[in-house]
Protein backbone atom coordinates (compact mmCIF):
# COMPACT_ATOMS: atom_id res chain seq x y z
CA MET A 1 3.42 -54.07 -7.02
CA ALA A 2 2.28 -53.84 -10.58
CA SER A 3 -0.78 -52.90 -9.38
CA SER A 4 0.30 -50.45 -7.33
CA ASN A 5 2.22 -48.93 -10.22
CA THR A 6 -0.80 -49.02 -12.48
CA ALA A 7 -3.28 -47.42 -9.97
CA THR A 8 -0.48 -44.71 -9.82
CA THR A 9 -0.05 -44.00 -13.90
CA ALA A 10 -4.04 -44.34 -13.54
CA GLN A 11 -4.47 -41.04 -11.62
CA PRO A 12 -5.90 -38.24 -13.80
CA ALA A 13 -3.25 -35.38 -14.59
CA ASN A 14 -3.95 -31.76 -14.54
CA SER A 15 -3.50 -30.43 -18.16
CA LYS A 16 -0.88 -27.68 -18.51
CA THR A 17 -4.02 -25.02 -19.80
CA ARG A 18 -6.17 -25.76 -16.64
CA VAL A 19 -3.11 -25.42 -14.12
CA LEU A 20 -1.88 -22.31 -15.39
CA THR A 21 -5.52 -20.63 -16.27
CA ALA A 22 -6.33 -21.88 -12.54
CA SER A 23 -3.46 -20.21 -10.97
CA LEU A 24 -3.65 -17.09 -12.92
CA VAL A 25 -7.47 -16.54 -12.37
CA GLY A 26 -7.76 -17.25 -8.94
CA THR A 27 -4.54 -14.87 -7.67
CA THR A 28 -6.42 -12.25 -10.21
CA ILE A 29 -9.41 -12.46 -8.17
CA GLU A 30 -7.68 -12.50 -5.01
CA PHE A 31 -5.46 -9.30 -5.89
CA PHE A 32 -8.50 -7.76 -7.51
CA ASP A 33 -10.35 -7.81 -4.14
CA PHE A 34 -7.20 -6.60 -1.95
CA TYR A 35 -6.29 -3.78 -4.23
CA ILE A 36 -9.94 -2.47 -4.72
CA TYR A 37 -9.44 -2.11 -0.48
CA ALA A 38 -5.98 -0.60 -1.15
CA THR A 39 -7.38 2.21 -3.53
CA ALA A 40 -10.54 2.72 -1.22
CA ALA A 41 -8.42 2.96 1.95
CA VAL A 42 -6.76 6.38 0.42
CA ILE A 43 -9.71 7.93 -1.56
CA ILE A 44 -13.01 6.41 -0.12
CA PHE A 45 -12.60 5.08 3.55
CA PRO A 46 -11.41 8.34 5.47
CA HIS A 47 -14.33 9.98 4.50
CA LEU A 48 -17.19 7.47 5.12
CA PHE A 49 -15.57 5.39 7.77
CA PHE A 50 -14.37 7.49 10.44
CA PRO A 51 -15.60 10.79 12.51
CA ALA A 52 -16.36 13.58 10.38
CA SER A 53 -14.51 15.81 13.11
CA THR A 54 -11.18 14.20 12.43
CA ASP A 55 -8.77 16.21 10.41
CA PRO A 56 -8.12 14.35 6.79
CA THR A 57 -4.56 13.48 7.68
CA THR A 58 -5.46 11.53 10.54
CA ALA A 59 -8.52 9.94 8.93
CA THR A 60 -6.42 8.66 6.22
CA ILE A 61 -3.95 7.47 8.95
CA GLN A 62 -6.62 5.27 10.58
CA SER A 63 -8.09 4.13 7.30
CA LEU A 64 -4.16 3.06 6.51
CA ALA A 65 -4.22 1.18 9.79
CA THR A 66 -7.26 -0.86 8.55
CA PHE A 67 -5.02 -1.52 5.51
CA ALA A 68 -2.44 -2.97 7.70
CA ILE A 69 -4.74 -5.42 9.60
CA ALA A 70 -4.95 -7.73 6.45
CA PHE A 71 -1.20 -7.94 6.40
CA ILE A 72 -1.14 -9.23 10.10
CA ALA A 73 -3.84 -11.43 9.69
CA ARG A 74 -2.07 -13.04 6.59
CA PRO A 75 0.53 -15.23 8.51
CA ILE A 76 -2.27 -16.35 10.56
CA GLY A 77 -4.10 -17.47 7.21
CA ALA A 78 -0.87 -18.97 5.82
CA ALA A 79 -0.60 -21.41 9.28
CA LEU A 80 -4.19 -22.10 8.83
CA PHE A 81 -4.52 -22.63 5.26
CA GLY A 82 -1.01 -24.01 5.17
CA HIS A 83 -1.67 -26.83 7.67
CA LEU A 84 -4.79 -27.81 5.48
CA GLY A 85 -2.63 -27.60 2.22
CA ASP A 86 0.05 -29.96 3.97
CA ARG A 87 -2.24 -32.22 5.56
CA ILE A 88 -5.45 -32.72 2.87
CA GLY A 89 -4.03 -31.06 -0.34
CA ARG A 90 -3.60 -28.11 -2.41
CA LYS A 91 -7.02 -27.90 -4.42
CA ALA A 92 -9.42 -28.02 -1.33
CA THR A 93 -7.34 -25.56 0.39
CA LEU A 94 -7.15 -23.17 -2.53
CA VAL A 95 -11.16 -23.64 -3.14
CA ALA A 96 -11.41 -22.53 0.80
CA ALA A 97 -8.74 -19.68 0.58
CA LEU A 98 -10.87 -18.16 -2.38
CA LEU A 99 -14.11 -18.36 -0.54
CA THR A 100 -12.76 -16.68 2.53
CA MET A 101 -11.53 -13.80 0.67
CA GLY A 102 -14.73 -13.17 -1.81
CA ILE A 103 -17.08 -13.44 1.24
CA SER A 104 -15.12 -10.84 3.15
CA THR A 105 -15.05 -8.57 -0.02
CA VAL A 106 -18.80 -8.71 -0.70
CA CYS A 107 -19.40 -7.96 2.97
CA ILE A 108 -17.39 -4.82 2.50
CA GLY A 109 -19.52 -3.66 -0.33
CA LEU A 110 -22.58 -4.18 2.22
CA LEU A 111 -21.03 -2.38 5.00
CA PRO A 112 -22.99 0.68 6.81
CA THR A 113 -21.01 3.98 7.20
CA TYR A 114 -20.13 5.79 10.12
CA ALA A 115 -22.67 8.31 9.77
CA GLN A 116 -25.21 5.27 9.78
CA ILE A 117 -23.80 3.02 12.79
CA GLY A 118 -21.25 5.01 14.14
CA ILE A 119 -18.20 3.51 15.70
CA ALA A 120 -19.54 0.02 14.41
CA ALA A 121 -18.98 0.97 10.92
CA PRO A 122 -14.91 0.81 11.11
CA LEU A 123 -15.19 -2.06 13.59
CA LEU A 124 -16.76 -3.83 11.03
CA LEU A 125 -14.44 -2.86 8.09
CA ALA A 126 -11.54 -4.19 10.06
CA LEU A 127 -13.35 -7.33 10.56
CA CYS A 128 -13.73 -7.68 6.94
CA ARG A 129 -10.38 -6.78 6.27
CA LEU A 130 -9.20 -9.33 8.72
CA GLY A 131 -11.09 -12.10 6.48
CA GLN A 132 -9.31 -10.73 3.28
CA GLY A 133 -6.03 -11.19 5.15
CA LEU A 134 -6.81 -14.78 6.18
CA GLY A 135 -7.74 -15.53 2.77
CA LEU A 136 -5.09 -14.29 0.87
CA GLY A 137 -2.56 -15.58 3.35
CA GLY A 138 -3.89 -19.31 1.90
CA GLU A 139 -4.49 -18.35 -1.49
CA TRP A 140 -0.78 -16.98 -3.07
CA SER A 141 1.21 -19.91 -1.47
CA GLY A 142 -1.19 -22.59 -3.04
CA ALA A 143 -1.45 -20.97 -6.50
CA VAL A 144 2.30 -20.90 -6.78
CA LEU A 145 2.41 -24.76 -5.80
CA LEU A 146 -0.23 -25.48 -8.17
CA ALA A 147 1.94 -24.30 -10.91
CA THR A 148 5.20 -25.16 -9.82
CA GLU A 149 4.39 -28.80 -8.60
CA ASN A 150 2.64 -29.51 -12.11
CA ALA A 151 5.67 -27.85 -14.38
CA PRO A 152 8.01 -29.83 -16.37
CA GLU A 153 11.67 -30.00 -15.73
CA GLY A 154 13.35 -26.68 -16.51
CA LYS A 155 9.98 -24.77 -16.54
CA ARG A 156 9.54 -24.06 -12.83
CA ALA A 157 10.11 -20.64 -12.93
CA TRP A 158 8.22 -20.04 -16.17
CA TYR A 159 5.08 -21.59 -14.57
CA GLY A 160 5.58 -19.87 -11.14
CA MET A 161 5.47 -16.66 -12.86
CA PHE A 162 1.47 -16.98 -13.92
CA PRO A 163 0.09 -16.67 -10.48
CA GLN A 164 2.43 -13.92 -10.08
CA LEU A 165 0.68 -12.13 -13.35
CA GLY A 166 -2.69 -12.38 -11.07
CA ALA A 167 -1.04 -9.51 -9.29
CA PRO A 168 -0.82 -6.84 -11.87
CA LEU A 169 -3.89 -7.88 -13.53
CA GLY A 170 -6.18 -7.52 -10.54
CA PHE A 171 -4.46 -4.26 -10.12
CA ILE A 172 -5.77 -3.28 -13.60
CA LEU A 173 -9.11 -4.43 -13.03
CA ALA A 174 -9.15 -2.59 -9.09
CA THR A 175 -7.86 0.78 -10.72
CA GLY A 176 -9.77 0.63 -13.95
CA SER A 177 -13.17 -0.08 -12.10
CA PHE A 178 -12.84 3.00 -9.95
CA LEU A 179 -11.55 5.18 -13.10
CA LEU A 180 -14.94 4.12 -14.84
CA LEU A 181 -17.15 4.59 -12.15
CA GLY A 182 -15.67 7.89 -11.51
CA ALA A 183 -15.99 8.87 -15.17
CA PHE A 184 -19.73 8.06 -15.64
CA MET A 185 -21.54 9.19 -12.09
CA SER A 186 -21.10 12.11 -10.10
CA GLU A 187 -18.67 12.11 -7.49
CA ALA A 188 -21.72 12.33 -5.08
CA ASP A 189 -23.34 9.15 -6.41
CA PHE A 190 -19.84 7.53 -6.17
CA MET A 191 -19.17 8.45 -2.67
CA GLN A 192 -22.94 7.52 -1.52
CA TRP A 193 -22.92 4.03 -3.24
CA GLY A 194 -20.77 3.65 -6.46
CA TRP A 195 -17.99 2.78 -4.67
CA ARG A 196 -19.45 -0.49 -3.40
CA ILE A 197 -20.15 -1.74 -7.03
CA PRO A 198 -16.36 -3.21 -7.36
CA PHE A 199 -16.67 -4.78 -4.00
CA ILE A 200 -20.22 -6.40 -4.68
CA SER A 201 -19.32 -7.46 -8.21
CA SER A 202 -15.99 -9.59 -7.10
CA ALA A 203 -18.82 -12.28 -6.18
CA LEU A 204 -19.20 -12.86 -10.10
CA LEU A 205 -15.28 -13.60 -10.42
CA VAL A 206 -15.42 -15.81 -7.48
CA ILE A 207 -18.01 -18.09 -9.03
CA VAL A 208 -15.64 -18.21 -12.04
CA GLY A 209 -12.73 -19.10 -10.10
CA LEU A 210 -14.21 -21.75 -7.96
CA TRP A 211 -15.95 -23.20 -11.15
CA ILE A 212 -12.20 -23.54 -12.69
CA ARG A 213 -10.38 -24.88 -9.46
CA LEU A 214 -12.98 -27.25 -8.69
CA LYS A 215 -12.16 -28.96 -11.82
CA LEU A 216 -8.18 -29.57 -10.90
CA HIS A 217 -6.66 -32.83 -9.61
CA GLU A 218 -4.15 -32.91 -6.79
CA THR A 219 -0.44 -31.69 -7.82
CA PRO A 220 1.76 -34.90 -8.73
CA ALA A 221 4.09 -33.74 -5.75
CA PHE A 222 1.73 -33.86 -3.15
CA LYS A 223 0.19 -37.22 -4.26
CA LYS A 224 3.94 -38.54 -3.81
CA VAL A 225 3.45 -37.45 -0.24
CA LEU A 226 0.33 -39.27 0.21
CA GLU A 227 1.33 -42.51 -1.38
CA LYS A 228 4.78 -42.58 1.02
CA GLN A 229 2.21 -41.28 3.86
CA LYS A 230 4.94 -38.50 4.83
CA GLU A 231 1.99 -35.95 5.63
CA VAL A 232 3.45 -34.17 8.71
CA ASN A 233 1.34 -33.88 11.93
CA ILE A 234 1.80 -30.12 12.62
CA PRO A 235 3.35 -28.42 9.51
CA PHE A 236 3.91 -25.22 11.52
CA MET A 237 5.97 -26.83 14.23
CA THR A 238 7.75 -28.76 11.84
CA VAL A 239 8.81 -25.52 9.63
CA VAL A 240 9.57 -23.43 12.93
CA THR A 241 11.93 -26.21 14.32
CA LYS A 242 13.54 -27.97 11.61
CA HIS A 243 13.76 -25.14 8.85
CA PHE A 244 13.86 -22.27 10.79
CA PRO A 245 17.03 -20.46 8.93
CA MET A 246 15.15 -20.51 5.54
CA LEU A 247 11.94 -19.35 7.47
CA VAL A 248 13.88 -16.37 8.24
CA LEU A 249 15.84 -15.59 5.34
CA GLY A 250 12.81 -16.09 2.78
CA THR A 251 11.01 -13.62 4.96
CA ILE A 252 13.77 -11.34 4.61
CA ALA A 253 14.31 -11.55 0.94
CA ALA A 254 10.73 -10.88 0.35
CA ILE A 255 10.56 -7.69 1.81
CA CYS A 256 11.93 -5.67 -0.69
CA THR A 257 9.01 -6.81 -3.15
CA PHE A 258 6.51 -5.49 -0.84
CA VAL A 259 8.44 -2.17 0.02
CA VAL A 260 8.73 -1.04 -3.66
CA PHE A 261 5.38 -2.01 -4.75
CA TYR A 262 3.70 -0.45 -1.81
CA LEU A 263 5.49 2.78 -2.03
CA THR A 264 4.67 3.41 -5.70
CA THR A 265 1.26 2.49 -5.34
CA VAL A 266 -0.60 3.05 -2.12
CA PHE A 267 1.81 6.05 -0.80
CA ALA A 268 2.30 7.35 -4.17
CA LEU A 269 -1.16 7.84 -4.74
CA ASN A 270 -1.98 9.25 -1.31
CA TRP A 271 1.06 11.73 -1.94
CA GLY A 272 -0.14 12.44 -5.21
CA THR A 273 -3.18 13.62 -4.56
CA THR A 274 -2.74 15.30 -1.24
CA LYS A 275 0.58 16.77 -1.64
CA LEU A 276 1.35 17.17 -5.16
CA GLY A 277 -2.03 18.58 -6.82
CA TYR A 278 -2.97 15.76 -9.00
CA SER A 279 -6.64 14.55 -8.97
CA ARG A 280 -7.31 11.21 -8.12
CA GLY A 281 -8.44 10.55 -11.80
CA GLU A 282 -5.28 11.59 -13.16
CA PHE A 283 -2.66 9.98 -10.97
CA LEU A 284 -5.10 6.68 -11.12
CA GLU A 285 -4.70 7.10 -14.97
CA LEU A 286 -0.87 7.21 -14.52
CA GLN A 287 -0.78 4.18 -12.27
CA LEU A 288 -2.74 2.29 -14.46
CA ILE A 289 -1.02 2.60 -17.45
CA ALA A 290 2.22 1.87 -15.62
CA THR A 291 0.98 -1.05 -14.24
CA LEU A 292 1.64 -2.46 -17.71
CA CYS A 293 5.43 -2.44 -17.12
CA PHE A 294 4.63 -4.59 -14.14
CA ALA A 295 3.12 -6.95 -15.93
CA ALA A 296 5.40 -7.17 -18.65
CA PHE A 297 8.35 -7.58 -16.34
CA ILE A 298 7.09 -10.52 -14.57
CA PRO A 299 7.49 -12.88 -17.68
CA LEU A 300 11.07 -11.42 -18.29
CA SER A 301 12.08 -12.47 -14.89
CA ALA A 302 11.11 -15.96 -15.09
CA VAL A 303 13.09 -15.95 -18.48
CA PHE A 304 16.05 -14.58 -16.24
CA ALA A 305 15.61 -16.98 -13.32
CA GLU A 306 15.65 -19.78 -15.78
CA LYS A 307 18.63 -19.01 -17.58
CA PHE A 308 20.99 -17.29 -14.64
CA GLY A 309 19.55 -18.49 -11.60
CA ARG A 310 16.82 -17.41 -9.12
CA LYS A 311 19.46 -16.31 -6.79
CA ALA A 312 21.67 -14.28 -9.40
CA THR A 313 18.29 -12.40 -10.93
CA SER A 314 16.97 -11.85 -7.32
CA ILE A 315 20.54 -9.90 -6.46
CA GLY A 316 20.33 -8.08 -9.66
CA VAL A 317 16.76 -6.61 -8.93
CA CYS A 318 17.69 -5.98 -5.40
CA ILE A 319 20.87 -3.52 -6.37
CA THR A 320 18.45 -1.94 -8.98
CA SER A 321 15.81 -1.26 -6.37
CA ALA A 322 18.47 -0.08 -3.88
CA ILE A 323 19.66 2.54 -6.52
CA PHE A 324 15.99 3.55 -7.55
CA GLY A 325 15.52 4.24 -4.09
CA LEU A 326 18.06 7.22 -4.28
CA PHE A 327 16.16 9.13 -7.13
CA PHE A 328 12.54 8.30 -5.40
CA ALA A 329 11.77 11.81 -4.13
CA SER A 330 13.49 13.60 -6.98
CA MET A 331 11.58 11.90 -9.58
CA LEU A 332 7.92 11.87 -7.67
CA GLU A 333 7.93 15.64 -6.59
CA SER A 334 9.65 16.79 -9.56
CA GLY A 335 6.42 18.54 -10.85
CA ASN A 336 6.88 17.28 -14.34
CA THR A 337 3.83 14.62 -15.24
CA VAL A 338 6.23 12.93 -17.89
CA VAL A 339 8.57 12.38 -14.85
CA VAL A 340 6.35 11.16 -12.15
CA PHE A 341 5.01 8.69 -15.02
CA LEU A 342 8.25 7.25 -15.32
CA PHE A 343 8.83 7.07 -11.72
CA LEU A 344 5.80 4.71 -11.89
CA CYS A 345 6.93 2.69 -14.56
CA ILE A 346 10.39 2.16 -13.04
CA GLY A 347 9.07 1.35 -10.10
CA LEU A 348 6.57 -1.12 -11.00
CA GLY A 349 8.93 -2.46 -13.90
CA ILE A 350 11.41 -3.38 -10.63
CA MET A 351 8.38 -5.02 -8.55
CA GLY A 352 7.66 -7.02 -11.62
CA LEU A 353 11.19 -8.33 -11.70
CA THR A 354 11.15 -8.94 -7.91
CA TYR A 355 7.80 -10.53 -7.86
CA GLY A 356 8.13 -12.59 -10.84
CA PRO A 357 10.53 -15.03 -9.18
CA ILE A 358 9.91 -14.71 -5.53
CA GLY A 359 7.28 -17.49 -5.52
CA THR A 360 9.47 -19.92 -7.18
CA VAL A 361 12.17 -19.08 -4.81
CA LEU A 362 10.22 -19.48 -1.65
CA SER A 363 8.61 -22.59 -2.49
CA GLU A 364 11.83 -24.47 -3.61
CA ILE A 365 13.48 -23.71 -0.41
CA PHE A 366 11.18 -25.99 1.69
CA PRO A 367 10.60 -29.81 0.94
CA THR A 368 6.92 -31.10 -0.05
CA SER A 369 5.63 -32.23 3.14
CA VAL A 370 5.66 -28.58 4.53
CA ARG A 371 5.93 -26.30 1.39
CA TYR A 372 2.44 -24.91 1.49
CA THR A 373 3.36 -23.86 5.17
CA GLY A 374 6.76 -22.67 4.67
CA SER A 375 6.29 -20.55 1.50
CA ALA A 376 3.19 -19.21 2.84
CA LEU A 377 4.68 -18.05 6.09
CA THR A 378 7.64 -16.54 4.36
CA PHE A 379 5.60 -14.40 1.87
CA ASN A 380 3.01 -13.35 4.61
CA LEU A 381 5.46 -12.45 7.41
CA ALA A 382 7.43 -10.43 4.43
CA GLY A 383 3.99 -8.86 4.12
CA ILE A 384 3.84 -7.46 7.57
CA LEU A 385 7.33 -6.27 7.54
CA GLY A 386 7.11 -4.83 3.95
CA ALA A 387 4.18 -3.58 3.48
CA SER A 388 1.43 -3.82 6.17
CA PHE A 389 2.88 -0.24 7.70
CA ALA A 390 4.90 0.74 4.58
CA PRO A 391 2.35 3.27 3.52
CA LEU A 392 2.19 4.70 7.32
CA ILE A 393 5.97 4.64 7.83
CA ALA A 394 6.26 6.53 4.45
CA THR A 395 3.66 9.06 5.16
CA LYS A 396 5.26 9.82 8.68
CA LEU A 397 8.99 10.03 6.94
CA ALA A 398 7.59 12.28 4.24
CA THR A 399 5.97 14.27 6.49
CA THR A 400 8.72 14.83 9.13
CA TYR A 401 11.94 14.70 7.18
CA GLY A 402 10.78 14.93 3.56
CA LEU A 403 10.32 12.72 0.65
CA TYR A 404 14.04 11.69 0.28
CA ALA A 405 13.67 9.92 3.50
CA VAL A 406 11.05 7.51 1.77
CA GLY A 407 13.50 6.76 -0.77
CA TYR A 408 16.14 5.59 1.74
CA TYR A 409 13.93 3.72 3.51
CA LEU A 410 13.09 1.70 -0.01
CA THR A 411 17.07 1.51 -0.46
CA ALA A 412 17.51 0.39 3.07
CA ALA A 413 14.82 -2.44 2.28
CA SER A 414 16.60 -3.48 -0.88
CA LEU A 415 19.69 -4.14 0.65
CA LEU A 416 18.12 -5.80 3.44
CA SER A 417 16.54 -8.30 0.89
CA LEU A 418 19.80 -8.30 -0.94
CA PHE A 419 21.82 -9.76 2.00
CA ALA A 420 19.50 -12.67 2.46
CA PHE A 421 19.54 -13.63 -1.30
CA MET A 422 23.10 -13.82 -0.90
CA MET A 423 22.66 -16.23 2.02
CA ILE A 424 20.04 -18.43 -0.06
CA ARG A 425 21.11 -21.28 -1.93
CA GLU A 426 20.66 -21.43 -5.53
CA THR A 427 17.46 -24.31 -6.18
CA LYS A 428 17.56 -23.82 -10.13
CA ASN A 429 18.98 -27.55 -10.71
CA ASP A 430 17.37 -28.88 -7.64
CA ASP A 431 14.88 -31.64 -7.82
CA VAL A 432 12.71 -30.17 -5.34
CA ASN A 433 9.64 -32.28 -5.95
CA ASN A 434 11.03 -35.39 -5.15
CA GLN A 435 12.18 -33.48 -1.52
CA ILE A 436 9.68 -34.85 0.79
């Protein structure tokens, strides 16, 4: 027994700095890759990857349909990488997820266009987008678990918000790269080859991410699973059969997070540049600055979650988001740039408040043995319901019923998530890492 204890204590531990850096850097890279696609799906791909005879609105809808593919692929990636994460460990799975995402992104930057190879171009684009979805489906949950399962007592929400910071940082890098390219090259050069630079350059970021993650050790919580030989044979089936209520509630709870973000980014960018008269550069600049609110409110949400609890914090944010939906249209179509900027700041600020604690919430409602699979599935299933078709639904609602219908859509999604959070237990004081 003594030798066993000695072996256990001799196991190498991750330093705080290494854990937080690895979780932050990895998700920053992943979301940079994801957002450069989101931006390109609005301003580039409709022109280069779809038939020239198609009218602009139809081309944009087709492009946004490929954007949706990744969200459909994400639960598949969640099940695949979740299985690996709950069977062989968090570290190896995180490396595999990062590689899957990175290779897919670089390939997008190398694709020939519709004018060069015809219908094969959008098909290859859709295939690469599928790869992005698979990679991100496994990345997010692993990064959150890397942080929370290494967190000291009373600090899980604080540690859990670090990978969440990768989202605004990735968005800033993605949007900033397109702004810089647009500023230093002609429109013709940008559309011909300049747009490829962010996709191809992501290879450098992936190398940095791999170097950091390969230096990590396994999390203490998963080490306990291995020591007690409590690995689950098929984590997906265990989640579905034994934890189905939490799977459903966790999925519904995260819907608001996705809807508020993609309405204030992808939809707002498309609507602002096609219907409201803003140039691409003008609106991207507004979004880029407003994203600072997204980043600033993530750590604030972690402070609230540690002090008041995950449940109370999330309920309060859902109510705020529902109210914001009622003012969505009047602010966005106000015709006043200051009001539009305020709209973006409020929307992305709400996103920061809802996004900050969601990783901690979804990881704490599942035991360690299926936590990777459970948290990944809930988050990525919510992505299908709340994000994959959100820009398409919003565009259809706005063109058919007016912009106010989009605001009501956000309000409805917020109230739905509010109901789910009311049903989920508070986990602030749970000893979740010993729940094997």
